[in-house]
Amino acid sequence: MKVKTLTLEGETGYTAKITRDNPTEGLECIMCELTDKNGQRVSVHHVSKNDKEDQWSMSECIQYHLDGCPGTHSMIYDYFRYVLFFAE
């Protein structure tokens, strides 16, 4: 079983839509689209499904936008666990 899409919404009203993506030449990556409370795209991130450091960086960005503040290690890890669903 593979998770294909996951949408998270934070207390700030921002959402993060995390998906599997095949941008070029069939190389599978993880994509995260962040939108604000008005539905406007804030940013899009693509990271390798094999690069844990990039996945952690993506998790930091998701946490910051959804929680509205810089997070502690455990706060970021909560989002990192979701990103890992797409690395399998």
PDB file of N, CA and C in Angstrom:
ATOM      1  N   MET A   1       0.844  -1.172   0.000  1.00  0.00           N
ATOM      2  CA  MET A   1       0.000   0.000   0.000  1.00  0.00           C
ATOM      3  C   MET A   1       0.891   1.236   0.000  1.00  0.00           C
ATOM      4  N   LYS A   2       0.501   2.248  -0.783  1.00  0.00           N
ATOM      5  CA  LYS A   2       1.217   3.518  -0.826  1.00  0.00           C
ATOM      6  C   LYS A   2       0.245   4.653  -0.571  1.00  0.00           C
ATOM      7  N   VAL A   3       0.676   5.603   0.231  1.00  0.00           N
ATOM      8  CA  VAL A   3      -0.101   6.830   0.414  1.00  0.00           C
ATOM      9  C   VAL A   3       0.196   7.711  -0.790  1.00  0.00           C
ATOM     10  N   LYS A   4      -0.836   8.196  -1.467  1.00  0.00           N
ATOM     11  CA  LYS A   4      -0.661   9.010  -2.673  1.00  0.00           C
ATOM     12  C   LYS A   4      -0.796  10.497  -2.397  1.00  0.00           C
ATOM     13  N   THR A   5      -1.724  10.889  -1.527  1.00  0.00           N
ATOM     14  CA  THR A   5      -1.964  12.299  -1.228  1.00  0.00           C
ATOM     15  C   THR A   5      -2.384  12.447   0.226  1.00  0.00           C
ATOM     16  N   LEU A   6      -1.884  13.499   0.860  1.00  0.00           N
ATOM     17  CA  LEU A   6      -2.252  13.806   2.236  1.00  0.00           C
ATOM     18  C   LEU A   6      -2.363  15.321   2.347  1.00  0.00           C
ATOM     19  N   THR A   7      -3.469  15.803   2.910  1.00  0.00           N
ATOM     20  CA  THR A   7      -3.652  17.235   3.115  1.00  0.00           C
ATOM     21  C   THR A   7      -3.743  17.517   4.607  1.00  0.00           C
ATOM     22  N   LEU A   8      -2.904  18.428   5.068  1.00  0.00           N
ATOM     23  CA  LEU A   8      -2.874  18.825   6.474  1.00  0.00           C
ATOM     24  C   LEU A   8      -3.278  20.288   6.570  1.00  0.00           C
ATOM     25  N   GLU A   9      -4.043  20.641   7.604  1.00  0.00           N
ATOM     26  CA  GLU A   9      -4.412  22.033   7.830  1.00  0.00           C
ATOM     27  C   GLU A   9      -3.993  22.424   9.238  1.00  0.00           C
ATOM     28  N   GLY A  10      -3.341  23.571   9.345  1.00  0.00           N
ATOM     29  CA  GLY A  10      -2.870  24.047  10.639  1.00  0.00           C
ATOM     30  C   GLY A  10      -3.804  25.066  11.257  1.00  0.00           C
ATOM     31  N   GLU A  11      -3.485  25.448  12.482  1.00  0.00           N
ATOM     32  CA  GLU A  11      -4.276  26.450  13.190  1.00  0.00           C
ATOM     33  C   GLU A  11      -4.221  27.811  12.504  1.00  0.00           C
ATOM     34  N   THR A  12      -3.212  28.030  11.675  1.00  0.00           N
ATOM     35  CA  THR A  12      -3.074  29.290  10.947  1.00  0.00           C
ATOM     36  C   THR A  12      -4.022  29.375   9.759  1.00  0.00           C
ATOM     37  N   GLY A  13      -4.638  28.240   9.402  1.00  0.00           N
ATOM     38  CA  GLY A  13      -5.490  28.194   8.223  1.00  0.00           C
ATOM     39  C   GLY A  13      -4.727  27.790   6.976  1.00  0.00           C
ATOM     40  N   TYR A  14      -3.402  27.685   7.082  1.00  0.00           N
ATOM     41  CA  TYR A  14      -2.588  27.229   5.959  1.00  0.00           C
ATOM     42  C   TYR A  14      -2.788  25.728   5.780  1.00  0.00           C
ATOM     43  N   THR A  15      -2.649  25.256   4.539  1.00  0.00           N
ATOM     44  CA  THR A  15      -2.720  23.827   4.270  1.00  0.00           C
ATOM     45  C   THR A  15      -1.456  23.374   3.553  1.00  0.00           C
ATOM     46  N   ALA A  16      -1.123  22.122   3.763  1.00  0.00           N
ATOM     47  CA  ALA A  16      -0.005  21.483   3.080  1.00  0.00           C
ATOM     48  C   ALA A  16      -0.559  20.240   2.398  1.00  0.00           C
ATOM     49  N   LYS A  17      -0.453  20.203   1.078  1.00  0.00           N
ATOM     50  CA  LYS A  17      -0.875  19.030   0.315  1.00  0.00           C
ATOM     51  C   LYS A  17       0.394  18.305  -0.117  1.00  0.00           C
ATOM     52  N   ILE A  18       0.582  17.107   0.419  1.00  0.00           N
ATOM     53  CA  ILE A  18       1.777  16.319   0.146  1.00  0.00           C
ATOM     54  C   ILE A  18       1.388  15.193  -0.804  1.00  0.00           C
ATOM     55  N   THR A  19       2.146  15.040  -1.897  1.00  0.00           N
ATOM     56  CA  THR A  19       1.846  14.017  -2.895  1.00  0.00           C
ATOM     57  C   THR A  19       3.133  13.381  -3.409  1.00  0.00           C
ATOM     58  N   ARG A  20       2.959  12.239  -4.059  1.00  0.00           N
ATOM     59  CA  ARG A  20       4.051  11.649  -4.828  1.00  0.00           C
ATOM     60  C   ARG A  20       4.018  12.321  -6.188  1.00  0.00           C
ATOM     61  N   ASP A  21       5.182  12.600  -6.725  1.00  0.00           N
ATOM     62  CA  ASP A  21       5.249  13.313  -7.995  1.00  0.00           C
ATOM     63  C   ASP A  21       6.339  12.700  -8.855  1.00  0.00           C
ATOM     64  N   ASN A  22       6.111  12.666 -10.165  1.00  0.00           N
ATOM     65  CA  ASN A  22       7.089  12.184 -11.132  1.00  0.00           C
ATOM     66  C   ASN A  22       7.428  13.325 -12.090  1.00  0.00           C
ATOM     67  N   PRO A  23       8.281  14.277 -11.663  1.00  0.00           N
ATOM     68  CA  PRO A  23       8.482  15.473 -12.468  1.00  0.00           C
ATOM     69  C   PRO A  23       9.188  15.239 -13.800  1.00  0.00           C
ATOM     70  N   THR A  24      10.246  14.445 -13.820  1.00  0.00           N
ATOM     71  CA  THR A  24      10.988  14.218 -15.057  1.00  0.00           C
ATOM     72  C   THR A  24      11.536  12.811 -15.095  1.00  0.00           C
ATOM     73  N   GLU A  25      11.522  12.245 -16.246  1.00  0.00           N
ATOM     74  CA  GLU A  25      12.159  10.955 -16.496  1.00  0.00           C
ATOM     75  C   GLU A  25      11.749   9.869 -15.512  1.00  0.00           C
ATOM     76  N   GLY A  26      10.541   9.949 -14.989  1.00  0.00           N
ATOM     77  CA  GLY A  26      10.036   8.915 -14.108  1.00  0.00           C
ATOM     78  C   GLY A  26      10.686   8.866 -12.739  1.00  0.00           C
ATOM     79  N   LEU A  27      11.453   9.900 -12.373  1.00  0.00           N
ATOM     80  CA  LEU A  27      12.073   9.932 -11.048  1.00  0.00           C
ATOM     81  C   LEU A  27      11.031  10.353 -10.025  1.00  0.00           C
ATOM     82  N   GLU A  28      10.716   9.450  -9.139  1.00  0.00           N
ATOM     83  CA  GLU A  28       9.675   9.738  -8.155  1.00  0.00           C
ATOM     84  C   GLU A  28      10.223  10.628  -7.044  1.00  0.00           C
ATOM     85  N   CYS A  29       9.469  11.659  -6.705  1.00  0.00           N
ATOM     86  CA  CYS A  29       9.864  12.545  -5.616  1.00  0.00           C
ATOM     87  C   CYS A  29       8.636  12.856  -4.769  1.00  0.00           C
ATOM     88  N   ILE A  30       8.850  13.618  -3.723  1.00  0.00           N
ATOM     89  CA  ILE A  30       7.776  14.052  -2.840  1.00  0.00           C
ATOM     90  C   ILE A  30       7.542  15.531  -3.111  1.00  0.00           C
ATOM     91  N   MET A  31       6.280  15.907  -3.306  1.00  0.00           N
ATOM     92  CA  MET A  31       5.944  17.298  -3.561  1.00  0.00           C
ATOM     93  C   MET A  31       5.035  17.796  -2.446  1.00  0.00           C
ATOM     94  N   CYS A  32       5.272  19.021  -2.004  1.00  0.00           N
ATOM     95  CA  CYS A  32       4.418  19.657  -1.008  1.00  0.00           C
ATOM     96  C   CYS A  32       4.004  21.020  -1.528  1.00  0.00           C
ATOM     97  N   GLU A  33       2.699  21.230  -1.606  1.00  0.00           N
ATOM     98  CA  GLU A  33       2.157  22.528  -2.010  1.00  0.00           C
ATOM     99  C   GLU A  33       1.544  23.182  -0.780  1.00  0.00           C
ATOM    100  N   LEU A  34       2.057  24.347  -0.413  1.00  0.00           N
ATOM    101  CA  LEU A  34       1.545  25.098   0.729  1.00  0.00           C
ATOM    102  C   LEU A  34       0.630  26.202   0.237  1.00  0.00           C
ATOM    103  N   THR A  35      -0.558  26.303   0.841  1.00  0.00           N
ATOM    104  CA  THR A  35      -1.498  27.368   0.490  1.00  0.00           C
ATOM    105  C   THR A  35      -1.917  28.104   1.756  1.00  0.00           C
ATOM    106  N   ASP A  36      -2.227  29.395   1.585  1.00  0.00           N
ATOM    107  CA  ASP A  36      -2.641  30.187   2.741  1.00  0.00           C
ATOM    108  C   ASP A  36      -4.127  30.003   3.012  1.00  0.00           C
ATOM    109  N   LYS A  37      -4.648  30.717   4.001  1.00  0.00           N
ATOM    110  CA  LYS A  37      -6.045  30.539   4.401  1.00  0.00           C
ATOM    111  C   LYS A  37      -7.028  30.985   3.333  1.00  0.00           C
ATOM    112  N   ASN A  38      -6.551  31.726   2.322  1.00  0.00           N
ATOM    113  CA  ASN A  38      -7.404  32.143   1.205  1.00  0.00           C
ATOM    114  C   ASN A  38      -7.287  31.208   0.011  1.00  0.00           C
ATOM    115  N   GLY A  39      -6.497  30.147   0.164  1.00  0.00           N
ATOM    116  CA  GLY A  39      -6.316  29.185  -0.914  1.00  0.00           C
ATOM    117  C   GLY A  39      -5.260  29.578  -1.928  1.00  0.00           C
ATOM    118  N   GLN A  40      -4.520  30.648  -1.663  1.00  0.00           N
ATOM    119  CA  GLN A  40      -3.461  31.090  -2.568  1.00  0.00           C
ATOM    120  C   GLN A  40      -2.193  30.282  -2.311  1.00  0.00           C
ATOM    121  N   ARG A  41      -1.565  29.830  -3.388  1.00  0.00           N
ATOM    122  CA  ARG A  41      -0.336  29.055  -3.262  1.00  0.00           C
ATOM    123  C   ARG A  41       0.771  29.930  -2.691  1.00  0.00           C
ATOM    124  N   VAL A  42       1.405  29.442  -1.640  1.00  0.00           N
ATOM    125  CA  VAL A  42       2.522  30.137  -1.010  1.00  0.00           C
ATOM    126  C   VAL A  42       3.837  29.613  -1.572  1.00  0.00           C
ATOM    127  N   SER A  43       3.948  28.295  -1.682  1.00  0.00           N
ATOM    128  CA  SER A  43       5.163  27.691  -2.219  1.00  0.00           C
ATOM    129  C   SER A  43       4.918  26.238  -2.594  1.00  0.00           C
ATOM    130  N   VAL A  44       5.835  25.723  -3.410  1.00  0.00           N
ATOM    131  CA  VAL A  44       5.827  24.315  -3.802  1.00  0.00           C
ATOM    132  C   VAL A  44       7.244  23.788  -3.597  1.00  0.00           C
ATOM    133  N   HIS A  45       7.358  22.652  -2.943  1.00  0.00           N
ATOM    134  CA  HIS A  45       8.655  22.032  -2.685  1.00  0.00           C
ATOM    135  C   HIS A  45       8.677  20.642  -3.309  1.00  0.00           C
ATOM    136  N   HIS A  46       9.789  20.300  -3.950  1.00  0.00           N
ATOM    137  CA  HIS A  46      10.040  18.947  -4.437  1.00  0.00           C
ATOM    138  C   HIS A  46      11.295  18.436  -3.738  1.00  0.00           C
ATOM    139  N   VAL A  47      11.220  17.247  -3.169  1.00  0.00           N
ATOM    140  CA  VAL A  47      12.401  16.632  -2.563  1.00  0.00           C
ATOM    141  C   VAL A  47      12.476  15.174  -2.994  1.00  0.00           C
ATOM    142  N   SER A  48      13.671  14.645  -2.976  1.00  0.00           N
ATOM    143  CA  SER A  48      13.891  13.247  -3.313  1.00  0.00           C
ATOM    144  C   SER A  48      13.269  12.349  -2.255  1.00  0.00           C
ATOM    145  N   LYS A  49      12.715  11.235  -2.702  1.00  0.00           N
ATOM    146  CA  LYS A  49      12.162  10.289  -1.731  1.00  0.00           C
ATOM    147  C   LYS A  49      13.270   9.541  -0.991  1.00  0.00           C
ATOM    148  N   ASN A  50      14.529   9.751  -1.407  1.00  0.00           N
ATOM    149  CA  ASN A  50      15.666   9.071  -0.783  1.00  0.00           C
ATOM    150  C   ASN A  50      16.526   9.986   0.083  1.00  0.00           C
ATOM    151  N   ASP A  51      16.209  11.264   0.157  1.00  0.00           N
ATOM    152  CA  ASP A  51      17.052  12.226   0.867  1.00  0.00           C
ATOM    153  C   ASP A  51      16.377  12.687   2.163  1.00  0.00           C
ATOM    154  N   LYS A  52      16.778  12.086   3.270  1.00  0.00           N
ATOM    155  CA  LYS A  52      16.156  12.385   4.570  1.00  0.00           C
ATOM    156  C   LYS A  52      16.405  13.831   5.008  1.00  0.00           C
ATOM    157  N   GLU A  53      17.561  14.399   4.667  1.00  0.00           N
ATOM    158  CA  GLU A  53      17.839  15.788   5.047  1.00  0.00           C
ATOM    159  C   GLU A  53      16.879  16.745   4.349  1.00  0.00           C
ATOM    160  N   ASP A  54      16.640  16.527   3.061  1.00  0.00           N
ATOM    161  CA  ASP A  54      15.678  17.362   2.337  1.00  0.00           C
ATOM    162  C   ASP A  54      14.266  17.157   2.878  1.00  0.00           C
ATOM    163  N   GLN A  55      13.940  15.930   3.238  1.00  0.00           N
ATOM    164  CA  GLN A  55      12.615  15.655   3.797  1.00  0.00           C
ATOM    165  C   GLN A  55      12.447  16.368   5.137  1.00  0.00           C
ATOM    166  N   TRP A  56      13.511  16.419   5.927  1.00  0.00           N
ATOM    167  CA  TRP A  56      13.447  17.131   7.209  1.00  0.00           C
ATOM    168  C   TRP A  56      13.244  18.625   6.958  1.00  0.00           C
ATOM    169  N   SER A  57      13.964  19.165   5.971  1.00  0.00           N
ATOM    170  CA  SER A  57      13.828  20.581   5.625  1.00  0.00           C
ATOM    171  C   SER A  57      12.398  20.896   5.185  1.00  0.00           C
ATOM    172  N   MET A  58      11.810  20.005   4.397  1.00  0.00           N
ATOM    173  CA  MET A  58      10.417  20.172   3.979  1.00  0.00           C
ATOM    174  C   MET A  58       9.508  20.171   5.212  1.00  0.00           C
ATOM    175  N   SER A  59       9.778  19.286   6.148  1.00  0.00           N
ATOM    176  CA  SER A  59       8.975  19.191   7.373  1.00  0.00           C
ATOM    177  C   SER A  59       9.078  20.463   8.205  1.00  0.00           C
ATOM    178  N   GLU A  60      10.267  21.066   8.248  1.00  0.00           N
ATOM    179  CA  GLU A  60      10.440  22.335   8.959  1.00  0.00           C
ATOM    180  C   GLU A  60       9.566  23.421   8.345  1.00  0.00           C
ATOM    181  N   CYS A  61       9.532  23.469   7.031  1.00  0.00           N
ATOM    182  CA  CYS A  61       8.733  24.472   6.329  1.00  0.00           C
ATOM    183  C   CYS A  61       7.237  24.248   6.575  1.00  0.00           C
ATOM    184  N   ILE A  62       6.800  23.004   6.490  1.00  0.00           N
ATOM    185  CA  ILE A  62       5.393  22.681   6.744  1.00  0.00           C
ATOM    186  C   ILE A  62       5.019  23.092   8.169  1.00  0.00           C
ATOM    187  N   GLN A  63       5.849  22.709   9.126  1.00  0.00           N
ATOM    188  CA  GLN A  63       5.566  23.018  10.530  1.00  0.00           C
ATOM    189  C   GLN A  63       5.466  24.520  10.755  1.00  0.00           C
ATOM    190  N   TYR A  64       6.397  25.270  10.187  1.00  0.00           N
ATOM    191  CA  TYR A  64       6.418  26.722  10.384  1.00  0.00           C
ATOM    192  C   TYR A  64       5.136  27.369   9.859  1.00  0.00           C
ATOM    193  N   HIS A  65       4.719  26.985   8.658  1.00  0.00           N
ATOM    194  CA  HIS A  65       3.527  27.594   8.070  1.00  0.00           C
ATOM    195  C   HIS A  65       2.236  27.137   8.752  1.00  0.00           C
ATOM    196  N   LEU A  66       2.134  25.862   9.096  1.00  0.00           N
ATOM    197  CA  LEU A  66       0.897  25.362   9.681  1.00  0.00           C
ATOM    198  C   LEU A  66       0.741  25.746  11.154  1.00  0.00           C
ATOM    199  N   ASP A  67       1.846  25.806  11.890  1.00  0.00           N
ATOM    200  CA  ASP A  67       1.775  26.161  13.305  1.00  0.00           C
ATOM    201  C   ASP A  67       1.968  27.656  13.542  1.00  0.00           C
ATOM    202  N   GLY A  68       2.585  28.336  12.580  1.00  0.00           N
ATOM    203  CA  GLY A  68       2.761  29.782  12.688  1.00  0.00           C
ATOM    204  C   GLY A  68       3.918  30.234  13.561  1.00  0.00           C
ATOM    205  N   CYS A  69       4.849  29.311  13.844  1.00  0.00           N
ATOM    206  CA  CYS A  69       6.010  29.667  14.670  1.00  0.00           C
ATOM    207  C   CYS A  69       7.130  28.673  14.390  1.00  0.00           C
ATOM    208  N   PRO A  70       8.383  29.059  14.675  1.00  0.00           N
ATOM    209  CA  PRO A  70       9.467  28.088  14.572  1.00  0.00           C
ATOM    210  C   PRO A  70       9.214  26.958  15.571  1.00  0.00           C
ATOM    211  N   GLY A  71       9.448  25.734  15.146  1.00  0.00           N
ATOM    212  CA  GLY A  71       9.113  24.601  16.000  1.00  0.00           C
ATOM    213  C   GLY A  71      10.295  23.963  16.691  1.00  0.00           C
ATOM    214  N   THR A  72       9.991  23.235  17.736  1.00  0.00           N
ATOM    215  CA  THR A  72      10.989  22.410  18.411  1.00  0.00           C
ATOM    216  C   THR A  72      11.205  21.158  17.574  1.00  0.00           C
ATOM    217  N   HIS A  73      12.219  20.402  17.938  1.00  0.00           N
ATOM    218  CA  HIS A  73      12.515  19.161  17.222  1.00  0.00           C
ATOM    219  C   HIS A  73      11.293  18.244  17.194  1.00  0.00           C
ATOM    220  N   SER A  74      10.615  18.100  18.317  1.00  0.00           N
ATOM    221  CA  SER A  74       9.463  17.193  18.370  1.00  0.00           C
ATOM    222  C   SER A  74       8.288  17.715  17.547  1.00  0.00           C
ATOM    223  N   MET A  75       8.123  19.035  17.468  1.00  0.00           N
ATOM    224  CA  MET A  75       7.044  19.600  16.646  1.00  0.00           C
ATOM    225  C   MET A  75       7.304  19.311  15.167  1.00  0.00           C
ATOM    226  N   ILE A  76       8.552  19.482  14.744  1.00  0.00           N
ATOM    227  CA  ILE A  76       8.917  19.225  13.351  1.00  0.00           C
ATOM    228  C   ILE A  76       8.797  17.735  13.052  1.00  0.00           C
ATOM    229  N   TYR A  77       9.210  16.905  14.003  1.00  0.00           N
ATOM    230  CA  TYR A  77       9.147  15.459  13.802  1.00  0.00           C
ATOM    231  C   TYR A  77       7.715  14.979  13.564  1.00  0.00           C
ATOM    232  N   ASP A  78       6.746  15.620  14.179  1.00  0.00           N
ATOM    233  CA  ASP A  78       5.348  15.249  13.939  1.00  0.00           C
ATOM    234  C   ASP A  78       5.015  15.333  12.454  1.00  0.00           C
ATOM    235  N   TYR A  79       5.508  16.345  11.764  1.00  0.00           N
ATOM    236  CA  TYR A  79       5.265  16.496  10.327  1.00  0.00           C
ATOM    237  C   TYR A  79       6.175  15.579   9.515  1.00  0.00           C
ATOM    238  N   PHE A  80       7.394  15.377   9.990  1.00  0.00           N
ATOM    239  CA  PHE A  80       8.343  14.503   9.308  1.00  0.00           C
ATOM    240  C   PHE A  80       7.777  13.091   9.164  1.00  0.00           C
ATOM    241  N   ARG A  81       7.064  12.625  10.191  1.00  0.00           N
ATOM    242  CA  ARG A  81       6.450  11.292  10.118  1.00  0.00           C
ATOM    243  C   ARG A  81       5.493  11.187   8.938  1.00  0.00           C
ATOM    244  N   TYR A  82       4.751  12.257   8.655  1.00  0.00           N
ATOM    245  CA  TYR A  82       3.843  12.246   7.506  1.00  0.00           C
ATOM    246  C   TYR A  82       4.614  12.242   6.195  1.00  0.00           C
ATOM    247  N   VAL A  83       5.679  13.024   6.123  1.00  0.00           N
ATOM    248  CA  VAL A  83       6.490  13.065   4.907  1.00  0.00           C
ATOM    249  C   VAL A  83       7.078  11.684   4.625  1.00  0.00           C
ATOM    250  N   LEU A  84       7.451  10.959   5.664  1.00  0.00           N
ATOM    251  CA  LEU A  84       8.037   9.625   5.489  1.00  0.00           C
ATOM    252  C   LEU A  84       7.074   8.639   4.828  1.00  0.00           C
ATOM    253  N   PHE A  85       5.764   8.854   4.959  1.00  0.00           N
ATOM    254  CA  PHE A  85       4.804   7.987   4.267  1.00  0.00           C
ATOM    255  C   PHE A  85       5.081   7.968   2.770  1.00  0.00           C
ATOM    256  N   PHE A  86       5.592   9.065   2.239  1.00  0.00           N
ATOM    257  CA  PHE A  86       5.801   9.201   0.803  1.00  0.00           C
ATOM    258  C   PHE A  86       7.187   8.750   0.369  1.00  0.00           C
ATOM    259  N   ALA A  87       8.048   8.440   1.313  1.00  0.00           N
ATOM    260  CA  ALA A  87       9.400   7.994   1.004  1.00  0.00           C
ATOM    261  C   ALA A  87       9.473   6.481   0.818  1.00  0.00           C
ATOM    262  N   GLU A  88       8.405   5.791   1.134  1.00  0.00           N
ATOM    263  CA  GLU A  88       8.407   4.321   1.053  1.00  0.00           C
ATOM    264  C   GLU A  88       8.204   3.846  -0.358  1.00  0.00           C
TER     265      GLU A  88
END
